[in-house]
PDB file of N, CA and C in Angstrom:
ATOM      1  N   UNK A   1     -57.512 -27.854  -6.037  1.00  0.00           N
ATOM      2  CA  UNK A   1     -57.118 -28.150  -7.299  1.00  0.00           C
ATOM      3  C   UNK A   1     -56.118 -29.283  -7.529  1.00  0.00           C
ATOM      4  N   UNK A   2     -56.369 -30.243  -8.331  1.00  0.00           N
ATOM      5  CA  UNK A   2     -55.468 -31.333  -8.261  1.00  0.00           C
ATOM      6  C   UNK A   2     -54.096 -30.714  -8.920  1.00  0.00           C
ATOM      7  N   UNK A   3     -53.269 -31.478  -8.679  1.00  0.00           N
ATOM      8  CA  UNK A   3     -51.705 -31.000  -8.693  1.00  0.00           C
ATOM      9  C   UNK A   3     -51.390 -30.482  -9.933  1.00  0.00           C
ATOM     10  N   UNK A   4     -51.812 -31.509 -10.789  1.00  0.00           N
ATOM     11  CA  UNK A   4     -51.743 -31.141 -12.434  1.00  0.00           C
ATOM     12  C   UNK A   4     -52.257 -29.832 -12.840  1.00  0.00           C
ATOM     13  N   UNK A   5     -53.279 -29.822 -12.492  1.00  0.00           N
ATOM     14  CA  UNK A   5     -54.136 -28.542 -13.045  1.00  0.00           C
ATOM     15  C   UNK A   5     -53.540 -27.347 -12.455  1.00  0.00           C
ATOM     16  N   UNK A   6     -52.894 -27.255 -10.986  1.00  0.00           N
ATOM     17  CA  UNK A   6     -52.259 -26.262 -10.353  1.00  0.00           C
ATOM     18  C   UNK A   6     -50.714 -25.866 -11.350  1.00  0.00           C
ATOM     19  N   UNK A   7     -50.360 -27.230 -11.644  1.00  0.00           N
ATOM     20  CA  UNK A   7     -49.016 -27.006 -12.264  1.00  0.00           C
ATOM     21  C   UNK A   7     -49.263 -26.147 -13.708  1.00  0.00           C
ATOM     22  N   UNK A   8     -50.143 -26.535 -14.422  1.00  0.00           N
ATOM     23  CA  UNK A   8     -50.414 -25.822 -15.683  1.00  0.00           C
ATOM     24  C   UNK A   8     -50.965 -24.444 -15.447  1.00  0.00           C
ATOM     25  N   UNK A   9     -51.500 -24.000 -14.427  1.00  0.00           N
ATOM     26  CA  UNK A   9     -51.981 -22.911 -14.126  1.00  0.00           C
ATOM     27  C   UNK A   9     -50.957 -21.970 -13.892  1.00  0.00           C
ATOM     28  N   UNK A  10     -49.969 -22.320 -13.194  1.00  0.00           N
ATOM     29  CA  UNK A  10     -48.962 -21.900 -12.809  1.00  0.00           C
ATOM     30  C   UNK A  10     -47.934 -21.943 -14.294  1.00  0.00           C
ATOM     31  N   UNK A  11     -47.830 -22.524 -14.882  1.00  0.00           N
ATOM     32  CA  UNK A  11     -47.010 -22.257 -16.005  1.00  0.00           C
ATOM     33  C   UNK A  11     -47.340 -21.227 -16.908  1.00  0.00           C
ATOM     34  N   UNK A  12     -48.734 -20.836 -17.160  1.00  0.00           N
ATOM     35  CA  UNK A  12     -48.788 -19.655 -17.868  1.00  0.00           C
ATOM     36  C   UNK A  12     -50.130 -19.392 -17.456  1.00  0.00           C
ATOM     37  N   UNK A  13     -50.150 -18.107 -16.783  1.00  0.00           N
ATOM     38  CA  UNK A  13     -51.390 -17.535 -16.270  1.00  0.00           C
ATOM     39  C   UNK A  13     -52.020 -16.721 -17.109  1.00  0.00           C
ATOM     40  N   UNK A  14     -51.300 -16.413 -18.293  1.00  0.00           N
ATOM     41  CA  UNK A  14     -52.085 -15.621 -19.575  1.00  0.00           C
ATOM     42  C   UNK A  14     -53.446 -16.501 -20.001  1.00  0.00           C
ATOM     43  N   UNK A  15     -54.526 -15.340 -20.026  1.00  0.00           N
ATOM     44  CA  UNK A  15     -55.704 -15.933 -20.626  1.00  0.00           C
ATOM     45  C   UNK A  15     -55.891 -15.794 -22.023  1.00  0.00           C
ATOM     46  N   UNK A  16     -54.791 -15.420 -22.750  1.00  0.00           N
ATOM     47  CA  UNK A  16     -55.111 -15.290 -24.264  1.00  0.00           C
ATOM     48  C   UNK A  16     -55.833 -14.282 -24.693  1.00  0.00           C
ATOM     49  N   UNK A  17     -55.984 -13.229 -23.916  1.00  0.00           N
ATOM     50  CA  UNK A  17     -56.791 -11.859 -24.261  1.00  0.00           C
ATOM     51  C   UNK A  17     -55.991 -11.029 -24.852  1.00  0.00           C
ATOM     52  N   UNK A  18     -56.501  -9.619 -25.084  1.00  0.00           N
ATOM     53  CA  UNK A  18     -56.040  -8.865 -25.485  1.00  0.00           C
ATOM     54  C   UNK A  18     -54.502  -8.550 -25.184  1.00  0.00           C
ATOM     55  N   UNK A  19     -54.093  -8.386 -24.087  1.00  0.00           N
ATOM     56  CA  UNK A  19     -52.754  -8.301 -23.605  1.00  0.00           C
ATOM     57  C   UNK A  19     -51.931  -9.369 -23.885  1.00  0.00           C
ATOM     58  N   UNK A  20     -52.347 -10.632 -24.538  1.00  0.00           N
ATOM     59  CA  UNK A  20     -51.457 -11.807 -24.772  1.00  0.00           C
ATOM     60  C   UNK A  20     -50.038 -11.611 -25.630  1.00  0.00           C
ATOM     61  N   UNK A  21     -49.000 -11.746 -25.032  1.00  0.00           N
ATOM     62  CA  UNK A  21     -47.849 -11.705 -25.575  1.00  0.00           C
ATOM     63  C   UNK A  21     -46.860 -12.993 -25.903  1.00  0.00           C
ATOM     64  N   UNK A  22     -47.859 -14.148 -25.751  1.00  0.00           N
ATOM     65  CA  UNK A  22     -47.234 -15.166 -25.751  1.00  0.00           C
ATOM     66  C   UNK A  22     -46.554 -15.557 -27.289  1.00  0.00           C
ATOM     67  N   UNK A  23     -45.413 -16.232 -27.345  1.00  0.00           N
ATOM     68  CA  UNK A  23     -44.646 -16.331 -28.555  1.00  0.00           C
ATOM     69  C   UNK A  23     -45.631 -17.550 -29.791  1.00  0.00           C
ATOM     70  N   UNK A  24     -45.000 -17.403 -30.627  1.00  0.00           N
ATOM     71  CA  UNK A  24     -45.877 -18.147 -31.516  1.00  0.00           C
ATOM     72  C   UNK A  24     -45.112 -19.325 -31.329  1.00  0.00           C
ATOM     73  N   UNK A  25     -46.078 -20.468 -31.812  1.00  0.00           N
ATOM     74  CA  UNK A  25     -45.493 -22.115 -31.734  1.00  0.00           C
ATOM     75  C   UNK A  25     -46.701 -22.999 -31.836  1.00  0.00           C
ATOM     76  N   UNK A  26     -46.657 -24.004 -31.132  1.00  0.00           N
ATOM     77  CA  UNK A  26     -47.916 -25.161 -31.283  1.00  0.00           C
ATOM     78  C   UNK A  26     -48.491 -25.120 -30.158  1.00  0.00           C
ATOM     79  N   UNK A  27     -49.783 -24.364 -30.146  1.00  0.00           N
ATOM     80  CA  UNK A  27     -50.788 -24.648 -28.995  1.00  0.00           C
ATOM     81  C   UNK A  27     -51.852 -25.303 -29.101  1.00  0.00           C
ATOM     82  N   UNK A  28     -52.332 -26.154 -28.275  1.00  0.00           N
ATOM     83  CA  UNK A  28     -53.476 -27.113 -28.171  1.00  0.00           C
ATOM     84  C   UNK A  28     -54.578 -26.907 -26.981  1.00  0.00           C
ATOM     85  N   UNK A  29     -55.635 -27.117 -27.213  1.00  0.00           N
ATOM     86  CA  UNK A  29     -56.631 -27.211 -26.427  1.00  0.00           C
ATOM     87  C   UNK A  29     -56.435 -28.358 -25.460  1.00  0.00           C
ATOM     88  N   UNK A  30     -56.646 -28.259 -24.245  1.00  0.00           N
ATOM     89  CA  UNK A  30     -56.233 -29.418 -23.490  1.00  0.00           C
ATOM     90  C   UNK A  30     -56.927 -29.663 -22.367  1.00  0.00           C
ATOM     91  N   UNK A  31     -57.287 -30.929 -21.946  1.00  0.00           N
ATOM     92  CA  UNK A  31     -58.028 -31.315 -20.860  1.00  0.00           C
ATOM     93  C   UNK A  31     -57.571 -32.125 -19.891  1.00  0.00           C
ATOM     94  N   UNK A  32     -57.747 -31.668 -18.452  1.00  0.00           N
ATOM     95  CA  UNK A  32     -56.983 -32.815 -17.431  1.00  0.00           C
ATOM     96  C   UNK A  32     -58.141 -33.315 -16.380  1.00  0.00           C
ATOM     97  N   UNK A  33     -57.993 -34.254 -16.503  1.00  0.00           N
ATOM     98  CA  UNK A  33     -59.137 -35.241 -15.779  1.00  0.00           C
ATOM     99  C   UNK A  33     -57.721 -36.067 -14.636  1.00  0.00           C
ATOM    100  N   UNK A  34     -57.892 -35.435 -13.400  1.00  0.00           N
ATOM    101  CA  UNK A  34     -57.057 -35.906 -12.648  1.00  0.00           C
ATOM    102  C   UNK A  34     -55.409 -36.436 -12.746  1.00  0.00           C
ATOM    103  N   UNK A  35     -54.721 -37.375 -13.303  1.00  0.00           N
ATOM    104  CA  UNK A  35     -53.824 -37.699 -13.824  1.00  0.00           C
ATOM    105  C   UNK A  35     -53.816 -37.618 -15.089  1.00  0.00           C
ATOM    106  N   UNK A  36     -54.901 -37.787 -15.782  1.00  0.00           N
ATOM    107  CA  UNK A  36     -54.765 -37.962 -17.448  1.00  0.00           C
ATOM    108  C   UNK A  36     -54.912 -36.628 -18.072  1.00  0.00           C
ATOM    109  N   UNK A  37     -54.190 -36.441 -19.059  1.00  0.00           N
ATOM    110  CA  UNK A  37     -53.878 -35.402 -19.954  1.00  0.00           C
ATOM    111  C   UNK A  37     -54.543 -35.721 -21.336  1.00  0.00           C
ATOM    112  N   UNK A  38     -55.097 -34.911 -21.969  1.00  0.00           N
ATOM    113  CA  UNK A  38     -55.836 -35.181 -23.260  1.00  0.00           C
ATOM    114  C   UNK A  38     -55.545 -33.991 -24.051  1.00  0.00           C
ATOM    115  N   UNK A  39     -55.053 -34.028 -25.304  1.00  0.00           N
ATOM    116  CA  UNK A  39     -54.819 -32.960 -26.377  1.00  0.00           C
ATOM    117  C   UNK A  39     -56.051 -33.313 -27.059  1.00  0.00           C
ATOM    118  N   UNK A  40     -56.975 -32.185 -27.008  1.00  0.00           N
ATOM    119  CA  UNK A  40     -58.255 -32.046 -27.581  1.00  0.00           C
ATOM    120  C   UNK A  40     -58.342 -31.467 -28.770  1.00  0.00           C
ATOM    121  N   UNK A  41     -57.759 -30.378 -29.192  1.00  0.00           N
ATOM    122  CA  UNK A  41     -57.864 -29.592 -30.351  1.00  0.00           C
ATOM    123  C   UNK A  41     -56.385 -28.723 -30.650  1.00  0.00           C
ATOM    124  N   UNK A  42     -56.092 -28.545 -31.927  1.00  0.00           N
ATOM    125  CA  UNK A  42     -55.025 -27.765 -32.454  1.00  0.00           C
ATOM    126  C   UNK A  42     -54.387 -28.899 -33.362  1.00  0.00           C
ATOM    127  N   UNK A  43     -53.171 -28.207 -33.805  1.00  0.00           N
ATOM    128  CA  UNK A  43     -52.505 -27.096 -33.373  1.00  0.00           C
ATOM    129  C   UNK A  43     -52.966 -25.938 -33.905  1.00  0.00           C
ATOM    130  N   UNK A  44     -52.612 -24.733 -33.020  1.00  0.00           N
ATOM    131  CA  UNK A  44     -52.992 -23.565 -33.075  1.00  0.00           C
ATOM    132  C   UNK A  44     -51.587 -22.658 -33.354  1.00  0.00           C
ATOM    133  N   UNK A  45     -51.101 -21.916 -34.179  1.00  0.00           N
ATOM    134  CA  UNK A  45     -50.067 -21.007 -34.144  1.00  0.00           C
ATOM    135  C   UNK A  45     -49.824 -20.059 -33.296  1.00  0.00           C
ATOM    136  N   UNK A  46     -51.105 -19.547 -32.327  1.00  0.00           N
ATOM    137  CA  UNK A  46     -50.886 -18.470 -31.291  1.00  0.00           C
ATOM    138  C   UNK A  46     -51.602 -19.051 -30.057  1.00  0.00           C
ATOM    139  N   UNK A  47     -51.315 -18.453 -29.021  1.00  0.00           N
ATOM    140  CA  UNK A  47     -51.918 -18.964 -27.909  1.00  0.00           C
ATOM    141  C   UNK A  47     -53.491 -18.533 -28.015  1.00  0.00           C
ATOM    142  N   UNK A  48     -53.879 -17.049 -28.202  1.00  0.00           N
ATOM    143  CA  UNK A  48     -54.688 -16.339 -28.703  1.00  0.00           C
ATOM    144  C   UNK A  48     -55.960 -17.318 -29.459  1.00  0.00           C
ATOM    145  N   UNK A  49     -55.256 -17.897 -30.483  1.00  0.00           N
ATOM    146  CA  UNK A  49     -56.165 -18.570 -31.492  1.00  0.00           C
ATOM    147  C   UNK A  49     -56.694 -19.807 -30.371  1.00  0.00           C
ATOM    148  N   UNK A  50     -55.816 -20.642 -29.685  1.00  0.00           N
ATOM    149  CA  UNK A  50     -56.213 -21.690 -29.269  1.00  0.00           C
ATOM    150  C   UNK A  50     -57.321 -21.296 -28.003  1.00  0.00           C
ATOM    151  N   UNK A  51     -56.906 -20.377 -27.164  1.00  0.00           N
ATOM    152  CA  UNK A  51     -57.808 -19.777 -26.162  1.00  0.00           C
ATOM    153  C   UNK A  51     -59.272 -19.469 -26.632  1.00  0.00           C
ATOM    154  N   UNK A  52     -59.193 -18.924 -28.013  1.00  0.00           N
ATOM    155  CA  UNK A  52     -60.557 -18.675 -28.484  1.00  0.00           C
ATOM    156  C   UNK A  52     -61.353 -19.898 -28.936  1.00  0.00           C
ATOM    157  N   UNK A  53     -60.884 -21.080 -28.988  1.00  0.00           N
ATOM    158  CA  UNK A  53     -61.520 -22.265 -29.362  1.00  0.00           C
ATOM    159  C   UNK A  53     -61.609 -23.362 -27.962  1.00  0.00           C
ATOM    160  N   UNK A  54     -61.280 -22.834 -27.150  1.00  0.00           N
ATOM    161  CA  UNK A  54     -61.061 -23.589 -25.663  1.00  0.00           C
ATOM    162  C   UNK A  54     -62.759 -23.953 -25.321  1.00  0.00           C
ATOM    163  N   UNK A  55     -63.516 -23.056 -25.352  1.00  0.00           N
ATOM    164  CA  UNK A  55     -64.919 -23.335 -24.873  1.00  0.00           C
ATOM    165  C   UNK A  55     -65.862 -23.889 -25.929  1.00  0.00           C
ATOM    166  N   UNK A  56     -65.558 -23.863 -27.176  1.00  0.00           N
ATOM    167  CA  UNK A  56     -66.279 -24.385 -28.535  1.00  0.00           C
ATOM    168  C   UNK A  56     -65.822 -25.971 -28.215  1.00  0.00           C
ATOM    169  N   UNK A  57     -64.514 -26.314 -28.031  1.00  0.00           N
ATOM    170  CA  UNK A  57     -64.224 -27.637 -27.733  1.00  0.00           C
ATOM    171  C   UNK A  57     -64.712 -28.332 -26.716  1.00  0.00           C
ATOM    172  N   UNK A  58     -64.784 -27.676 -25.533  1.00  0.00           N
ATOM    173  CA  UNK A  58     -65.234 -27.835 -24.454  1.00  0.00           C
ATOM    174  C   UNK A  58     -66.874 -28.310 -24.688  1.00  0.00           C
ATOM    175  N   UNK A  59     -67.606 -27.563 -25.449  1.00  0.00           N
ATOM    176  CA  UNK A  59     -69.004 -27.952 -25.515  1.00  0.00           C
ATOM    177  C   UNK A  59     -69.279 -28.956 -26.658  1.00  0.00           C
ATOM    178  N   UNK A  60     -68.133 -29.304 -27.540  1.00  0.00           N
ATOM    179  CA  UNK A  60     -68.239 -30.448 -28.449  1.00  0.00           C
ATOM    180  C   UNK A  60     -68.028 -31.817 -27.542  1.00  0.00           C
ATOM    181  N   UNK A  61     -66.848 -31.541 -26.671  1.00  0.00           N
ATOM    182  CA  UNK A  61     -66.585 -32.825 -25.980  1.00  0.00           C
ATOM    183  C   UNK A  61     -67.818 -33.192 -25.004  1.00  0.00           C
ATOM    184  N   UNK A  62     -68.363 -32.129 -24.682  1.00  0.00           N
ATOM    185  CA  UNK A  62     -69.678 -32.418 -23.710  1.00  0.00           C
ATOM    186  C   UNK A  62     -70.965 -33.000 -24.237  1.00  0.00           C
ATOM    187  N   UNK A  63     -70.771 -32.858 -25.523  1.00  0.00           N
ATOM    188  CA  UNK A  63     -71.988 -33.541 -26.452  1.00  0.00           C
ATOM    189  C   UNK A  63     -71.793 -34.924 -26.642  1.00  0.00           C
ATOM    190  N   UNK A  64     -70.509 -35.350 -26.583  1.00  0.00           N
ATOM    191  CA  UNK A  64     -70.030 -36.627 -26.496  1.00  0.00           C
ATOM    192  C   UNK A  64     -69.889 -37.323 -25.016  1.00  0.00           C
ATOM    193  N   UNK A  65     -69.388 -36.493 -24.095  1.00  0.00           N
ATOM    194  CA  UNK A  65     -69.302 -37.147 -22.787  1.00  0.00           C
ATOM    195  C   UNK A  65     -69.558 -36.231 -21.874  1.00  0.00           C
ATOM    196  N   UNK A  66     -70.632 -36.013 -21.127  1.00  0.00           N
ATOM    197  CA  UNK A  66     -71.122 -35.298 -20.093  1.00  0.00           C
ATOM    198  C   UNK A  66     -69.928 -34.862 -18.909  1.00  0.00           C
ATOM    199  N   UNK A  67     -68.955 -35.751 -18.893  1.00  0.00           N
ATOM    200  CA  UNK A  67     -68.137 -35.701 -18.119  1.00  0.00           C
ATOM    201  C   UNK A  67     -66.855 -34.511 -18.231  1.00  0.00           C
ATOM    202  N   UNK A  68     -67.039 -34.050 -19.532  1.00  0.00           N
ATOM    203  CA  UNK A  68     -66.178 -33.115 -19.956  1.00  0.00           C
ATOM    204  C   UNK A  68     -66.216 -31.878 -18.979  1.00  0.00           C
ATOM    205  N   UNK A  69     -67.291 -31.325 -18.601  1.00  0.00           N
ATOM    206  CA  UNK A  69     -67.192 -30.413 -17.804  1.00  0.00           C
ATOM    207  C   UNK A  69     -66.632 -30.565 -16.195  1.00  0.00           C
ATOM    208  N   UNK A  70     -66.397 -31.457 -15.915  1.00  0.00           N
ATOM    209  CA  UNK A  70     -65.629 -31.955 -14.424  1.00  0.00           C
ATOM    210  C   UNK A  70     -64.102 -32.033 -15.004  1.00  0.00           C
ATOM    211  N   UNK A  71     -63.549 -31.814 -16.387  1.00  0.00           N
ATOM    212  CA  UNK A  71     -62.320 -31.720 -16.513  1.00  0.00           C
ATOM    213  C   UNK A  71     -61.867 -30.413 -16.052  1.00  0.00           C
ATOM    214  N   UNK A  72     -60.320 -29.980 -15.887  1.00  0.00           N
ATOM    215  CA  UNK A  72     -59.810 -28.839 -16.209  1.00  0.00           C
ATOM    216  C   UNK A  72     -59.464 -28.591 -17.594  1.00  0.00           C
ATOM    217  N   UNK A  73     -60.004 -27.542 -18.422  1.00  0.00           N
ATOM    218  CA  UNK A  73     -59.573 -26.957 -19.511  1.00  0.00           C
ATOM    219  C   UNK A  73     -58.444 -25.828 -19.764  1.00  0.00           C
ATOM    220  N   UNK A  74     -57.744 -26.027 -20.848  1.00  0.00           N
ATOM    221  CA  UNK A  74     -56.610 -24.823 -20.720  1.00  0.00           C
ATOM    222  C   UNK A  74     -55.894 -24.891 -22.362  1.00  0.00           C
ATOM    223  N   UNK A  75     -55.081 -24.309 -22.375  1.00  0.00           N
ATOM    224  CA  UNK A  75     -54.395 -24.199 -23.459  1.00  0.00           C
ATOM    225  C   UNK A  75     -52.707 -24.452 -23.004  1.00  0.00           C
ATOM    226  N   UNK A  76     -52.129 -25.260 -23.854  1.00  0.00           N
ATOM    227  CA  UNK A  76     -50.811 -25.720 -23.482  1.00  0.00           C
ATOM    228  C   UNK A  76     -50.043 -25.529 -24.849  1.00  0.00           C
ATOM    229  N   UNK A  77     -48.512 -25.325 -24.697  1.00  0.00           N
ATOM    230  CA  UNK A  77     -47.877 -24.911 -25.791  1.00  0.00           C
ATOM    231  C   UNK A  77     -46.810 -26.449 -25.811  1.00  0.00           C
ATOM    232  N   UNK A  78     -46.897 -26.973 -26.982  1.00  0.00           N
ATOM    233  CA  UNK A  78     -46.248 -27.994 -26.991  1.00  0.00           C
ATOM    234  C   UNK A  78     -44.871 -28.048 -27.734  1.00  0.00           C
ATOM    235  N   UNK A  79     -43.868 -28.892 -27.565  1.00  0.00           N
ATOM    236  CA  UNK A  79     -42.584 -28.828 -28.400  1.00  0.00           C
ATOM    237  C   UNK A  79     -42.895 -28.513 -29.575  1.00  0.00           C
ATOM    238  N   UNK A  80     -41.915 -27.914 -30.772  1.00  0.00           N
ATOM    239  CA  UNK A  80     -42.200 -27.545 -31.956  1.00  0.00           C
ATOM    240  C   UNK A  80     -42.041 -29.009 -32.452  1.00  0.00           C
ATOM    241  N   UNK A  81     -41.603 -29.977 -32.208  1.00  0.00           N
ATOM    242  CA  UNK A  81     -41.385 -31.399 -32.847  1.00  0.00           C
ATOM    243  C   UNK A  81     -42.740 -32.258 -32.535  1.00  0.00           C
ATOM    244  N   UNK A  82     -43.440 -31.977 -31.739  1.00  0.00           N
ATOM    245  CA  UNK A  82     -45.090 -32.517 -31.449  1.00  0.00           C
ATOM    246  C   UNK A  82     -45.680 -32.248 -32.749  1.00  0.00           C
ATOM    247  N   UNK A  83     -46.226 -33.535 -33.339  1.00  0.00           N
ATOM    248  CA  UNK A  83     -46.959 -33.473 -34.477  1.00  0.00           C
ATOM    249  C   UNK A  83     -48.119 -34.076 -34.568  1.00  0.00           C
ATOM    250  N   UNK A  84     -48.684 -34.528 -33.691  1.00  0.00           N
ATOM    251  CA  UNK A  84     -50.153 -34.790 -33.562  1.00  0.00           C
ATOM    252  C   UNK A  84     -51.157 -33.816 -33.783  1.00  0.00           C
ATOM    253  N   UNK A  85     -52.316 -34.082 -34.358  1.00  0.00           N
ATOM    254  CA  UNK A  85     -53.436 -33.110 -34.223  1.00  0.00           C
ATOM    255  C   UNK A  85     -54.541 -33.447 -32.944  1.00  0.00           C
ATOM    256  N   UNK A  86     -55.147 -32.579 -32.334  1.00  0.00           N
ATOM    257  CA  UNK A  86     -55.927 -32.724 -31.362  1.00  0.00           C
ATOM    258  C   UNK A  86     -57.121 -33.794 -31.711  1.00  0.00           C
ATOM    259  N   UNK A  87     -57.572 -34.498 -30.674  1.00  0.00           N
ATOM    260  CA  UNK A  87     -58.416 -35.565 -30.803  1.00  0.00           C
ATOM    261  C   UNK A  87     -59.474 -34.861 -31.762  1.00  0.00           C
ATOM    262  N   UNK A  88     -60.211 -33.715 -31.282  1.00  0.00           N
ATOM    263  CA  UNK A  88     -61.400 -33.582 -31.958  1.00  0.00           C
ATOM    264  C   UNK A  88     -61.094 -33.179 -33.368  1.00  0.00           C
ATOM    265  N   UNK A  89     -59.879 -32.525 -33.747  1.00  0.00           N
ATOM    266  CA  UNK A  89     -59.553 -32.404 -35.097  1.00  0.00           C
ATOM    267  C   UNK A  89     -59.566 -33.508 -36.005  1.00  0.00           C
ATOM    268  N   UNK A  90     -58.912 -34.630 -35.325  1.00  0.00           N
ATOM    269  CA  UNK A  90     -58.798 -35.867 -36.024  1.00  0.00           C
ATOM    270  C   UNK A  90     -59.981 -36.506 -36.360  1.00  0.00           C
ATOM    271  N   UNK A  91     -61.139 -36.563 -35.418  1.00  0.00           N
ATOM    272  CA  UNK A  91     -62.565 -36.939 -35.631  1.00  0.00           C
ATOM    273  C   UNK A  91     -63.294 -36.008 -36.576  1.00  0.00           C
ATOM    274  N   UNK A  92     -62.472 -34.978 -36.866  1.00  0.00           N
ATOM    275  CA  UNK A  92     -63.492 -34.044 -37.654  1.00  0.00           C
ATOM    276  C   UNK A  92     -64.569 -33.178 -37.117  1.00  0.00           C
ATOM    277  N   UNK A  93     -64.433 -32.914 -35.831  1.00  0.00           N
ATOM    278  CA  UNK A  93     -65.458 -32.346 -35.077  1.00  0.00           C
ATOM    279  C   UNK A  93     -65.367 -30.905 -34.996  1.00  0.00           C
ATOM    280  N   UNK A  94     -63.871 -30.772 -35.211  1.00  0.00           N
ATOM    281  CA  UNK A  94     -63.580 -29.017 -34.912  1.00  0.00           C
ATOM    282  C   UNK A  94     -62.731 -28.756 -36.003  1.00  0.00           C
TER     283      UNK A  94
END
């Protein structure tokens, strides 16, 4: 697994499931391709909401570019002052 993907996995092993106790914040569906990091969807106010859209974002991205399946997809909490929206939201696709 690439170093960036391993670091993301270690940073938060929560899968957003029933036991999710992550704090409220600005969560985004993100994709990692080697050293490139993409903010694809969000913001979501909870980790669970972002995790619920992760596969949907992947499928939409795959319709645009089949290489999406070869990226590492996950959920990332951004700083409270991060104001951008995810690329799929920006394009009106999600």
